[in-house]
PDB file of N, CA and C in Angstrom:
ATOM      1  N   MET A   1      -4.190  -4.426  11.123  1.00  0.00           N
ATOM      2  CA  MET A   1      -4.155  -4.035   9.717  1.00  0.00           C
ATOM      3  C   MET A   1      -3.719  -5.229   8.877  1.00  0.00           C
ATOM      4  N   ASN A   2      -4.363  -5.376   7.734  1.00  0.00           N
ATOM      5  CA  ASN A   2      -3.939  -6.437   6.845  1.00  0.00           C
ATOM      6  C   ASN A   2      -2.908  -5.896   5.859  1.00  0.00           C
ATOM      7  N   GLN A   3      -2.355  -6.781   5.050  1.00  0.00           N
ATOM      8  CA  GLN A   3      -1.249  -6.417   4.162  1.00  0.00           C
ATOM      9  C   GLN A   3      -1.590  -5.273   3.204  1.00  0.00           C
ATOM     10  N   PRO A   4      -2.736  -5.278   2.525  1.00  0.00           N
ATOM     11  CA  PRO A   4      -3.027  -4.149   1.620  1.00  0.00           C
ATOM     12  C   PRO A   4      -3.127  -2.812   2.350  1.00  0.00           C
ATOM     13  N   GLU A   5      -3.660  -2.814   3.573  1.00  0.00           N
ATOM     14  CA  GLU A   5      -3.772  -1.560   4.325  1.00  0.00           C
ATOM     15  C   GLU A   5      -2.398  -1.043   4.733  1.00  0.00           C
ATOM     16  N   VAL A   6      -1.502  -1.949   5.107  1.00  0.00           N
ATOM     17  CA  VAL A   6      -0.141  -1.554   5.474  1.00  0.00           C
ATOM     18  C   VAL A   6       0.568  -0.972   4.256  1.00  0.00           C
ATOM     19  N   LEU A   7       0.421  -1.632   3.121  1.00  0.00           N
ATOM     20  CA  LEU A   7       1.047  -1.157   1.889  1.00  0.00           C
ATOM     21  C   LEU A   7       0.496   0.215   1.502  1.00  0.00           C
ATOM     22  N   GLU A   8      -0.811   0.380   1.618  1.00  0.00           N
ATOM     23  CA  GLU A   8      -1.444   1.674   1.317  1.00  0.00           C
ATOM     24  C   GLU A   8      -0.910   2.768   2.244  1.00  0.00           C
ATOM     25  N   SER A   9      -0.755   2.434   3.506  1.00  0.00           N
ATOM     26  CA  SER A   9      -0.242   3.388   4.486  1.00  0.00           C
ATOM     27  C   SER A   9       1.201   3.780   4.150  1.00  0.00           C
ATOM     28  N   ASP A  10       2.010   2.793   3.766  1.00  0.00           N
ATOM     29  CA  ASP A  10       3.398   3.071   3.387  1.00  0.00           C
ATOM     30  C   ASP A  10       3.464   3.979   2.166  1.00  0.00           C
ATOM     31  N   ILE A  11       2.613   3.715   1.195  1.00  0.00           N
ATOM     32  CA  ILE A  11       2.607   4.525  -0.029  1.00  0.00           C
ATOM     33  C   ILE A  11       2.246   5.968   0.295  1.00  0.00           C
ATOM     34  N   ARG A  12       1.228   6.145   1.112  1.00  0.00           N
ATOM     35  CA  ARG A  12       0.818   7.509   1.476  1.00  0.00           C
ATOM     36  C   ARG A  12       1.909   8.235   2.257  1.00  0.00           C
ATOM     37  N   ALA A  13       2.583   7.524   3.153  1.00  0.00           N
ATOM     38  CA  ALA A  13       3.653   8.141   3.942  1.00  0.00           C
ATOM     39  C   ALA A  13       4.825   8.558   3.046  1.00  0.00           C
ATOM     40  N   LEU A  14       5.187   7.704   2.102  1.00  0.00           N
ATOM     41  CA  LEU A  14       6.284   8.040   1.188  1.00  0.00           C
ATOM     42  C   LEU A  14       5.905   9.225   0.299  1.00  0.00           C
ATOM     43  N   GLN A  15       4.670   9.251  -0.177  1.00  0.00           N
ATOM     44  CA  GLN A  15       4.229  10.373  -1.010  1.00  0.00           C
ATOM     45  C   GLN A  15       4.256  11.682  -0.220  1.00  0.00           C
ATOM     46  N   GLN A  16       3.803  11.635   1.018  1.00  0.00           N
ATOM     47  CA  GLN A  16       3.811  12.834   1.857  1.00  0.00           C
ATOM     48  C   GLN A  16       5.235  13.299   2.127  1.00  0.00           C
ATOM     49  N   TRP A  17       6.136  12.339   2.384  1.00  0.00           N
ATOM     50  CA  TRP A  17       7.524  12.701   2.652  1.00  0.00           C
ATOM     51  C   TRP A  17       8.124  13.392   1.424  1.00  0.00           C
ATOM     52  N   LEU A  18       7.843  12.866   0.236  1.00  0.00           N
ATOM     53  CA  LEU A  18       8.375  13.484  -0.983  1.00  0.00           C
ATOM     54  C   LEU A  18       7.804  14.886  -1.194  1.00  0.00           C
ATOM     55  N   ARG A  19       6.511  15.075  -0.911  1.00  0.00           N
ATOM     56  CA  ARG A  19       5.918  16.421  -1.032  1.00  0.00           C
ATOM     57  C   ARG A  19       6.653  17.399  -0.110  1.00  0.00           C
ATOM     58  N   ASP A  20       6.854  16.975   1.127  1.00  0.00           N
ATOM     59  CA  ASP A  20       7.541  17.837   2.092  1.00  0.00           C
ATOM     60  C   ASP A  20       8.988  18.098   1.679  1.00  0.00           C
ATOM     61  N   ALA A  21       9.639  17.084   1.126  1.00  0.00           N
ATOM     62  CA  ALA A  21      11.034  17.247   0.698  1.00  0.00           C
ATOM     63  C   ALA A  21      11.135  18.254  -0.444  1.00  0.00           C
ATOM     64  N   TRP A  22      10.185  18.221  -1.380  1.00  0.00           N
ATOM     65  CA  TRP A  22      10.206  19.188  -2.479  1.00  0.00           C
ATOM     66  C   TRP A  22      10.054  20.616  -1.944  1.00  0.00           C
ATOM     67  N   ARG A  23       9.185  20.767  -0.950  1.00  0.00           N
ATOM     68  CA  ARG A  23       9.033  22.105  -0.352  1.00  0.00           C
ATOM     69  C   ARG A  23      10.331  22.543   0.324  1.00  0.00           C
ATOM     70  N   GLN A  24      10.942  21.615   1.030  1.00  0.00           N
ATOM     71  CA  GLN A  24      12.176  21.929   1.752  1.00  0.00           C
ATOM     72  C   GLN A  24      13.309  22.230   0.776  1.00  0.00           C
ATOM     73  N   LEU A  25      13.297  21.575  -0.370  1.00  0.00           N
ATOM     74  CA  LEU A  25      14.346  21.800  -1.364  1.00  0.00           C
ATOM     75  C   LEU A  25      14.328  23.238  -1.867  1.00  0.00           C
ATOM     76  N   GLY A  26      13.179  23.863  -1.855  1.00  0.00           N
ATOM     77  CA  GLY A  26      13.072  25.251  -2.302  1.00  0.00           C
ATOM     78  C   GLY A  26      13.486  26.270  -1.249  1.00  0.00           C
ATOM     79  N   ASP A  27      13.845  25.805  -0.060  1.00  0.00           N
ATOM     80  CA  ASP A  27      14.238  26.710   1.020  1.00  0.00           C
ATOM     81  C   ASP A  27      15.595  27.345   0.699  1.00  0.00           C
ATOM     82  N   PRO A  28      15.685  28.676   0.622  1.00  0.00           N
ATOM     83  CA  PRO A  28      16.953  29.328   0.267  1.00  0.00           C
ATOM     84  C   PRO A  28      18.029  29.191   1.352  1.00  0.00           C
ATOM     85  N   SER A  29      17.635  28.862   2.560  1.00  0.00           N
ATOM     86  CA  SER A  29      18.641  28.739   3.611  1.00  0.00           C
ATOM     87  C   SER A  29      19.328  27.371   3.617  1.00  0.00           C
ATOM     88  N   LEU A  30      18.890  26.466   2.749  1.00  0.00           N
ATOM     89  CA  LEU A  30      19.476  25.135   2.680  1.00  0.00           C
ATOM     90  C   LEU A  30      20.845  25.225   2.015  1.00  0.00           C
ATOM     91  N   THR A  31      21.843  24.611   2.622  1.00  0.00           N
ATOM     92  CA  THR A  31      23.210  24.661   2.077  1.00  0.00           C
ATOM     93  C   THR A  31      23.329  23.730   0.876  1.00  0.00           C
ATOM     94  N   THR A  32      24.412  23.877   0.148  1.00  0.00           N
ATOM     95  CA  THR A  32      24.658  23.019  -1.012  1.00  0.00           C
ATOM     96  C   THR A  32      24.744  21.561  -0.573  1.00  0.00           C
ATOM     97  N   PHE A  33      25.442  21.315   0.517  1.00  0.00           N
ATOM     98  CA  PHE A  33      25.551  19.959   1.029  1.00  0.00           C
ATOM     99  C   PHE A  33      24.172  19.435   1.452  1.00  0.00           C
ATOM    100  N   GLY A  34      23.399  20.281   2.101  1.00  0.00           N
ATOM    101  CA  GLY A  34      22.061  19.888   2.537  1.00  0.00           C
ATOM    102  C   GLY A  34      21.161  19.540   1.363  1.00  0.00           C
ATOM    103  N   ARG A  35      21.267  20.336   0.286  1.00  0.00           N
ATOM    104  CA  ARG A  35      20.487  20.050  -0.921  1.00  0.00           C
ATOM    105  C   ARG A  35      20.872  18.701  -1.525  1.00  0.00           C
ATOM    106  N   ARG A  36      22.179  18.459  -1.584  1.00  0.00           N
ATOM    107  CA  ARG A  36      22.652  17.201  -2.154  1.00  0.00           C
ATOM    108  C   ARG A  36      22.153  16.016  -1.336  1.00  0.00           C
ATOM    109  N   GLU A  37      22.248  16.131  -0.019  1.00  0.00           N
ATOM    110  CA  GLU A  37      21.777  15.051   0.856  1.00  0.00           C
ATOM    111  C   GLU A  37      20.275  14.851   0.718  1.00  0.00           C
ATOM    112  N   LEU A  38      19.546  15.949   0.639  1.00  0.00           N
ATOM    113  CA  LEU A  38      18.100  15.854   0.488  1.00  0.00           C
ATOM    114  C   LEU A  38      17.733  15.195  -0.840  1.00  0.00           C
ATOM    115  N   ARG A  39      18.425  15.566  -1.917  1.00  0.00           N
ATOM    116  CA  ARG A  39      18.160  14.936  -3.216  1.00  0.00           C
ATOM    117  C   ARG A  39      18.475  13.451  -3.187  1.00  0.00           C
ATOM    118  N   ASN A  40      19.554  13.065  -2.497  1.00  0.00           N
ATOM    119  CA  ASN A  40      19.882  11.641  -2.371  1.00  0.00           C
ATOM    120  C   ASN A  40      18.783  10.896  -1.612  1.00  0.00           C
ATOM    121  N   GLN A  41      18.294  11.498  -0.541  1.00  0.00           N
ATOM    122  CA  GLN A  41      17.210  10.874   0.210  1.00  0.00           C
ATOM    123  C   GLN A  41      15.943  10.799  -0.625  1.00  0.00           C
ATOM    124  N   MET A  42      15.700  11.816  -1.435  1.00  0.00           N
ATOM    125  CA  MET A  42      14.523  11.813  -2.295  1.00  0.00           C
ATOM    126  C   MET A  42      14.621  10.699  -3.339  1.00  0.00           C
ATOM    127  N   LYS A  43      15.816  10.463  -3.874  1.00  0.00           N
ATOM    128  CA  LYS A  43      15.998   9.382  -4.841  1.00  0.00           C
ATOM    129  C   LYS A  43      15.704   8.037  -4.187  1.00  0.00           C
ATOM    130  N   GLN A  44      16.194   7.856  -2.964  1.00  0.00           N
ATOM    131  CA  GLN A  44      15.947   6.608  -2.252  1.00  0.00           C
ATOM    132  C   GLN A  44      14.465   6.439  -1.942  1.00  0.00           C
ATOM    133  N   CYS A  45      13.839   7.512  -1.521  1.00  0.00           N
ATOM    134  CA  CYS A  45      12.408   7.468  -1.214  1.00  0.00           C
ATOM    135  C   CYS A  45      11.596   7.171  -2.473  1.00  0.00           C
ATOM    136  N   SER A  46      11.985   7.745  -3.593  1.00  0.00           N
ATOM    137  CA  SER A  46      11.294   7.485  -4.856  1.00  0.00           C
ATOM    138  C   SER A  46      11.427   6.014  -5.254  1.00  0.00           C
ATOM    139  N   ALA A  47      12.612   5.447  -5.056  1.00  0.00           N
ATOM    140  CA  ALA A  47      12.816   4.030  -5.358  1.00  0.00           C
ATOM    141  C   ALA A  47      11.951   3.157  -4.446  1.00  0.00           C
ATOM    142  N   ASP A  48      11.875   3.517  -3.175  1.00  0.00           N
ATOM    143  CA  ASP A  48      11.028   2.775  -2.236  1.00  0.00           C
ATOM    144  C   ASP A  48       9.557   2.880  -2.635  1.00  0.00           C
ATOM    145  N   LEU A  49       9.150   4.065  -3.052  1.00  0.00           N
ATOM    146  CA  LEU A  49       7.772   4.277  -3.474  1.00  0.00           C
ATOM    147  C   LEU A  49       7.451   3.446  -4.710  1.00  0.00           C
ATOM    148  N   ARG A  50       8.360   3.424  -5.674  1.00  0.00           N
ATOM    149  CA  ARG A  50       8.151   2.601  -6.872  1.00  0.00           C
ATOM    150  C   ARG A  50       8.019   1.132  -6.504  1.00  0.00           C
ATOM    151  N   ALA A  51       8.839   0.658  -5.559  1.00  0.00           N
ATOM    152  CA  ALA A  51       8.767  -0.742  -5.133  1.00  0.00           C
ATOM    153  C   ALA A  51       7.426  -1.032  -4.456  1.00  0.00           C
ATOM    154  N   CYS A  52       6.953  -0.113  -3.632  1.00  0.00           N
ATOM    155  CA  CYS A  52       5.647  -0.298  -2.976  1.00  0.00           C
ATOM    156  C   CYS A  52       4.524  -0.312  -3.997  1.00  0.00           C
ATOM    157  N   LEU A  53       4.587   0.590  -4.966  1.00  0.00           N
ATOM    158  CA  LEU A  53       3.549   0.634  -5.996  1.00  0.00           C
ATOM    159  C   LEU A  53       3.579  -0.632  -6.845  1.00  0.00           C
ATOM    160  N   GLN A  54       4.766  -1.146  -7.102  1.00  0.00           N
ATOM    161  CA  GLN A  54       4.892  -2.393  -7.868  1.00  0.00           C
ATOM    162  C   GLN A  54       4.266  -3.553  -7.097  1.00  0.00           C
ATOM    163  N   ARG A  55       4.542  -3.616  -5.787  1.00  0.00           N
ATOM    164  CA  ARG A  55       3.946  -4.675  -4.949  1.00  0.00           C
ATOM    165  C   ARG A  55       2.431  -4.535  -4.926  1.00  0.00           C
ATOM    166  N   ALA A  56       1.940  -3.309  -4.893  1.00  0.00           N
ATOM    167  CA  ALA A  56       0.495  -3.089  -4.854  1.00  0.00           C
ATOM    168  C   ALA A  56      -0.168  -3.563  -6.140  1.00  0.00           C
ATOM    169  N   THR A  57       0.486  -3.385  -7.281  1.00  0.00           N
ATOM    170  CA  THR A  57      -0.104  -3.832  -8.541  1.00  0.00           C
ATOM    171  C   THR A  57      -0.007  -5.342  -8.699  1.00  0.00           C
ATOM    172  N   GLU A  58       0.955  -5.976  -8.044  1.00  0.00           N
ATOM    173  CA  GLU A  58       1.120  -7.424  -8.159  1.00  0.00           C
ATOM    174  C   GLU A  58       0.174  -8.191  -7.237  1.00  0.00           C
ATOM    175  N   GLN A  59      -0.369  -7.537  -6.240  1.00  0.00           N
ATOM    176  CA  GLN A  59      -1.268  -8.216  -5.316  1.00  0.00           C
ATOM    177  C   GLN A  59      -2.583  -8.510  -6.015  1.00  0.00           C
ATOM    178  N   PRO A  60      -3.129  -9.699  -5.771  1.00  0.00           N
ATOM    179  CA  PRO A  60      -4.440  -9.982  -6.360  1.00  0.00           C
ATOM    180  C   PRO A  60      -5.492  -9.081  -5.722  1.00  0.00           C
ATOM    181  N   PRO A  61      -6.484  -8.701  -6.488  1.00  0.00           N
ATOM    182  CA  PRO A  61      -7.517  -7.826  -5.924  1.00  0.00           C
ATOM    183  C   PRO A  61      -8.271  -8.555  -4.810  1.00  0.00           C
ATOM    184  N   GLU A  62      -8.712  -7.788  -3.854  1.00  0.00           N
ATOM    185  CA  GLU A  62      -9.473  -8.380  -2.756  1.00  0.00           C
ATOM    186  C   GLU A  62     -10.795  -8.885  -3.297  1.00  0.00           C
ATOM    187  N   PRO A  63     -11.215 -10.065  -2.851  1.00  0.00           N
ATOM    188  CA  PRO A  63     -12.492 -10.572  -3.358  1.00  0.00           C
ATOM    189  C   PRO A  63     -13.635  -9.671  -2.907  1.00  0.00           C
ATOM    190  N   ALA A  64     -14.563  -9.502  -3.799  1.00  0.00           N
ATOM    191  CA  ALA A  64     -15.715  -8.661  -3.482  1.00  0.00           C
ATOM    192  C   ALA A  64     -16.545  -9.356  -2.415  1.00  0.00           C
ATOM    193  N   THR A  65     -16.909  -8.622  -1.410  1.00  0.00           N
ATOM    194  CA  THR A  65     -17.710  -9.217  -0.352  1.00  0.00           C
ATOM    195  C   THR A  65     -19.150  -9.301  -0.821  1.00  0.00           C
ATOM    196  N   GLN A  66     -19.693 -10.484  -0.699  1.00  0.00           N
ATOM    197  CA  GLN A  66     -21.064 -10.696  -1.105  1.00  0.00           C
ATOM    198  C   GLN A  66     -21.954 -10.549   0.112  1.00  0.00           C
ATOM    199  N   PRO A  67     -23.139 -10.030  -0.091  1.00  0.00           N
ATOM    200  CA  PRO A  67     -24.047  -9.890   1.043  1.00  0.00           C
ATOM    201  C   PRO A  67     -24.395 -11.280   1.581  1.00  0.00           C
ATOM    202  N   PRO A  68     -24.586 -11.386   2.865  1.00  0.00           N
ATOM    203  CA  PRO A  68     -24.917 -12.689   3.422  1.00  0.00           C
ATOM    204  C   PRO A  68     -26.232 -13.190   2.844  1.00  0.00           C
ATOM    205  N   SER A  69     -26.221 -14.457   2.478  1.00  0.00           N
ATOM    206  CA  SER A  69     -27.440 -15.009   1.885  1.00  0.00           C
ATOM    207  C   SER A  69     -28.475 -15.227   2.980  1.00  0.00           C
ATOM    208  N   SER A  70     -29.660 -14.861   2.675  1.00  0.00           N
ATOM    209  CA  SER A  70     -30.715 -15.027   3.667  1.00  0.00           C
ATOM    210  C   SER A  70     -31.291 -16.435   3.527  1.00  0.00           C
ATOM    211  N   ARG A  71     -31.371 -17.115   4.616  1.00  0.00           N
ATOM    212  CA  ARG A  71     -31.876 -18.482   4.628  1.00  0.00           C
ATOM    213  C   ARG A  71     -33.359 -18.529   4.990  1.00  0.00           C
ATOM    214  N   THR A  72     -34.001 -17.391   4.933  1.00  0.00           N
ATOM    215  CA  THR A  72     -35.422 -17.361   5.261  1.00  0.00           C
ATOM    216  C   THR A  72     -36.224 -17.880   4.074  1.00  0.00           C
ATOM    217  N   ARG A  73     -37.342 -18.428   4.382  1.00  0.00           N
ATOM    218  CA  ARG A  73     -38.208 -18.956   3.334  1.00  0.00           C
ATOM    219  C   ARG A  73     -38.876 -17.797   2.591  1.00  0.00           C
ATOM    220  N   PRO A  74     -38.958 -17.902   1.291  1.00  0.00           N
ATOM    221  CA  PRO A  74     -39.613 -16.825   0.545  1.00  0.00           C
ATOM    222  C   PRO A  74     -41.112 -16.814   0.837  1.00  0.00           C
ATOM    223  N   GLU A  75     -41.657 -15.651   0.735  1.00  0.00           N
ATOM    224  CA  GLU A  75     -43.095 -15.514   0.955  1.00  0.00           C
ATOM    225  C   GLU A  75     -43.819 -16.078  -0.261  1.00  0.00           C
ATOM    226  N   LEU A  76     -44.709 -17.023  -0.009  1.00  0.00           N
ATOM    227  CA  LEU A  76     -45.429 -17.673  -1.100  1.00  0.00           C
ATOM    228  C   LEU A  76     -46.816 -17.046  -1.245  1.00  0.00           C
ATOM    229  N   ARG A  77     -47.228 -16.884  -2.459  1.00  0.00           N
ATOM    230  CA  ARG A  77     -48.558 -16.336  -2.738  1.00  0.00           C
ATOM    231  C   ARG A  77     -49.289 -17.311  -3.643  1.00  0.00           C
ATOM    232  N   ILE A  78     -50.502 -17.502  -3.360  1.00  0.00           N
ATOM    233  CA  ILE A  78     -51.314 -18.387  -4.190  1.00  0.00           C
ATOM    234  C   ILE A  78     -52.145 -17.489  -5.119  1.00  0.00           C
ATOM    235  N   LEU A  79     -51.946 -17.746  -6.376  1.00  0.00           N
ATOM    236  CA  LEU A  79     -52.665 -16.990  -7.395  1.00  0.00           C
ATOM    237  C   LEU A  79     -53.755 -17.870  -7.966  1.00  0.00           C
ATOM    238  N   SER A  80     -54.921 -17.354  -8.061  1.00  0.00           N
ATOM    239  CA  SER A  80     -56.014 -18.119  -8.650  1.00  0.00           C
ATOM    240  C   SER A  80     -56.556 -17.364  -9.859  1.00  0.00           C
ATOM    241  N   TRP A  81     -57.039 -18.134 -10.809  1.00  0.00           N
ATOM    242  CA  TRP A  81     -57.559 -17.531 -12.019  1.00  0.00           C
ATOM    243  C   TRP A  81     -59.003 -17.489 -11.984  1.00  0.00           C
TER     244      TRP A  81
END
């Protein structure tokens, strides 16, 4: 994997973790202490996600891949009037 793919993978993993954490936060069996710890982890995860997104925007865009140039001779046609 190259650097942009790793960064993309990290961003997706952090987003998924936050989605799951929000669902878990709504669990009525979660204790007050558990909620506080989960919110603290969510804050840290959000900060990590912001840092990853910032790095992703600072990276130069990948150069567009150009089709390989064909070195074959063009077909010539003789036109007569």
